[in-house]
Amino acid sequence: MTLLRTLLLLGVAATGAGTVATREPVAQAVAVSFHGLLLALLFLCYQAPDVALSQIVVGAVALPLMILLAIAKVRKDAAEREGSGRRA
């Protein structure tokens, strides 16, 4: 069990650093999702299933989804501005 906890802690540290180091927003959303899944597994390993379920819902699903929706909206608005600027 200690080896599993150590591996999960190292994985959480690596995915956190990877998320910060990534420059592409879509890749960051994927990295945040994977980071959330590893955190949920870590919470489960420490016998906190209620926190793990909350982490899965928020950290692995809702947060990346909100990030991806925001990116899509910003890109759509930028494309519309670019398209309307060319017509004028």
C-alpha atoms as a PDB file:
ATOM      1  CA  MET A   1       0.000   0.000   0.000  1.00  0.00           C
ATOM      2  CA  THR A   2       2.863   2.365   0.698  1.00  0.00           C
ATOM      3  CA  LEU A   3       4.271   1.797  -2.791  1.00  0.00           C
ATOM      4  CA  LEU A   4       0.882   2.610  -4.321  1.00  0.00           C
ATOM      5  CA  ARG A   5       0.598   5.804  -2.271  1.00  0.00           C
ATOM      6  CA  THR A   6       4.119   6.833  -3.246  1.00  0.00           C
ATOM      7  CA  LEU A   7       3.428   6.211  -6.926  1.00  0.00           C
ATOM      8  CA  LEU A   8       0.174   8.149  -6.756  1.00  0.00           C
ATOM      9  CA  LEU A   9       1.844  11.075  -4.997  1.00  0.00           C
ATOM     10  CA  LEU A  10       4.586  11.137  -7.637  1.00  0.00           C
ATOM     11  CA  GLY A  11       1.942  10.918 -10.358  1.00  0.00           C
ATOM     12  CA  VAL A  12      -0.011  13.811  -8.869  1.00  0.00           C
ATOM     13  CA  ALA A  13       3.185  15.884  -8.675  1.00  0.00           C
ATOM     14  CA  ALA A  14       4.117  15.007 -12.260  1.00  0.00           C
ATOM     15  CA  THR A  15       0.673  15.777 -13.694  1.00  0.00           C
ATOM     16  CA  GLY A  16       0.537  19.049 -11.752  1.00  0.00           C
ATOM     17  CA  ALA A  17       3.909  20.090 -13.140  1.00  0.00           C
ATOM     18  CA  GLY A  18       2.883  18.906 -16.599  1.00  0.00           C
ATOM     19  CA  THR A  19      -0.283  20.971 -16.470  1.00  0.00           C
ATOM     20  CA  VAL A  20       1.672  24.099 -15.579  1.00  0.00           C
ATOM     21  CA  ALA A  21       4.319  23.439 -18.235  1.00  0.00           C
ATOM     22  CA  THR A  22       1.796  22.901 -21.036  1.00  0.00           C
ATOM     23  CA  ARG A  23       1.086  25.988 -23.129  1.00  0.00           C
ATOM     24  CA  GLU A  24      -1.818  24.745 -25.279  1.00  0.00           C
ATOM     25  CA  PRO A  25      -5.147  25.364 -23.466  1.00  0.00           C
ATOM     26  CA  VAL A  26      -6.850  22.216 -24.764  1.00  0.00           C
ATOM     27  CA  ALA A  27      -3.892  20.088 -23.686  1.00  0.00           C
ATOM     28  CA  GLN A  28      -4.025  21.800 -20.292  1.00  0.00           C
ATOM     29  CA  ALA A  29      -7.685  20.822 -19.925  1.00  0.00           C
ATOM     30  CA  VAL A  30      -6.812  17.194 -20.660  1.00  0.00           C
ATOM     31  CA  ALA A  31      -3.899  17.356 -18.209  1.00  0.00           C
ATOM     32  CA  VAL A  32      -6.144  18.845 -15.503  1.00  0.00           C
ATOM     33  CA  SER A  33      -8.615  16.029 -16.059  1.00  0.00           C
ATOM     34  CA  PHE A  34      -5.913  13.389 -15.692  1.00  0.00           C
ATOM     35  CA  HIS A  35      -4.589  15.196 -12.607  1.00  0.00           C
ATOM     36  CA  GLY A  36      -8.094  15.091 -11.119  1.00  0.00           C
ATOM     37  CA  LEU A  37      -8.364  11.364 -11.737  1.00  0.00           C
ATOM     38  CA  LEU A  38      -5.042  10.717 -10.030  1.00  0.00           C
ATOM     39  CA  LEU A  39      -6.101  12.853  -7.079  1.00  0.00           C
ATOM     40  CA  ALA A  40      -9.334  10.863  -6.826  1.00  0.00           C
ATOM     41  CA  LEU A  41      -7.343   7.622  -6.778  1.00  0.00           C
ATOM     42  CA  LEU A  42      -5.097   9.084  -4.092  1.00  0.00           C
ATOM     43  CA  PHE A  43      -8.098  10.051  -1.971  1.00  0.00           C
ATOM     44  CA  LEU A  44      -9.509   6.572  -2.441  1.00  0.00           C
ATOM     45  CA  CYS A  45      -6.185   5.088  -1.375  1.00  0.00           C
ATOM     46  CA  TYR A  46      -6.330   7.180   1.805  1.00  0.00           C
ATOM     47  CA  GLN A  47      -9.830   5.795   2.493  1.00  0.00           C
ATOM     48  CA  ALA A  48     -11.786   8.943   1.694  1.00  0.00           C
ATOM     49  CA  PRO A  49     -14.330   7.704  -0.869  1.00  0.00           C
ATOM     50  CA  ASP A  50     -16.664  10.679  -0.459  1.00  0.00           C
ATOM     51  CA  VAL A  51     -13.856  13.109  -1.247  1.00  0.00           C
ATOM     52  CA  ALA A  52     -12.759  10.891  -4.145  1.00  0.00           C
ATOM     53  CA  LEU A  53     -16.243  10.962  -5.670  1.00  0.00           C
ATOM     54  CA  SER A  54     -16.396  14.737  -5.311  1.00  0.00           C
ATOM     55  CA  GLN A  55     -12.978  15.019  -6.927  1.00  0.00           C
ATOM     56  CA  ILE A  56     -14.065  12.878  -9.869  1.00  0.00           C
ATOM     57  CA  VAL A  57     -17.132  15.028 -10.459  1.00  0.00           C
ATOM     58  CA  VAL A  58     -15.440  18.390 -10.034  1.00  0.00           C
ATOM     59  CA  GLY A  59     -11.784  17.860 -10.917  1.00  0.00           C
ATOM     60  CA  ALA A  60     -12.014  15.241 -13.622  1.00  0.00           C
ATOM     61  CA  VAL A  61     -15.299  16.197 -15.330  1.00  0.00           C
ATOM     62  CA  ALA A  62     -16.744  19.621 -14.516  1.00  0.00           C
ATOM     63  CA  LEU A  63     -13.562  21.730 -14.472  1.00  0.00           C
ATOM     64  CA  PRO A  64     -12.124  20.432 -17.776  1.00  0.00           C
ATOM     65  CA  LEU A  65     -15.559  20.722 -19.376  1.00  0.00           C
ATOM     66  CA  MET A  66     -15.869  24.359 -18.274  1.00  0.00           C
ATOM     67  CA  ILE A  67     -12.369  25.084 -19.567  1.00  0.00           C
ATOM     68  CA  LEU A  68     -13.132  23.501 -22.950  1.00  0.00           C
ATOM     69  CA  LEU A  69     -16.427  25.384 -23.234  1.00  0.00           C
ATOM     70  CA  ALA A  70     -14.685  28.676 -22.436  1.00  0.00           C
ATOM     71  CA  ILE A  71     -11.977  27.972 -25.022  1.00  0.00           C
ATOM     72  CA  ALA A  72     -14.612  27.173 -27.656  1.00  0.00           C
ATOM     73  CA  LYS A  73     -16.495  30.395 -26.874  1.00  0.00           C
ATOM     74  CA  VAL A  74     -13.359  32.542 -27.046  1.00  0.00           C
ATOM     75  CA  ARG A  75     -12.283  30.951 -30.332  1.00  0.00           C
ATOM     76  CA  LYS A  76     -15.767  31.364 -31.793  1.00  0.00           C
ATOM     77  CA  ASP A  77     -15.883  35.045 -30.799  1.00  0.00           C
ATOM     78  CA  ALA A  78     -12.403  35.614 -32.235  1.00  0.00           C
ATOM     79  CA  ALA A  79     -13.405  33.959 -35.517  1.00  0.00           C
ATOM     80  CA  GLU A  80     -16.568  36.089 -35.716  1.00  0.00           C
ATOM     81  CA  ARG A  81     -14.581  39.276 -35.070  1.00  0.00           C
ATOM     82  CA  GLU A  82     -12.061  38.284 -37.694  1.00  0.00           C
ATOM     83  CA  GLY A  83     -14.820  37.467 -40.179  1.00  0.00           C
ATOM     84  CA  SER A  84     -16.708  40.705 -39.588  1.00  0.00           C
ATOM     85  CA  GLY A  85     -13.519  42.746 -39.827  1.00  0.00           C
ATOM     86  CA  ARG A  86     -12.821  41.476 -43.314  1.00  0.00           C
ATOM     87  CA  ARG A  87     -16.296  42.378 -44.598  1.00  0.00           C
ATOM     88  CA  ALA A  88     -16.127  45.986 -43.492  1.00  0.00           C
END
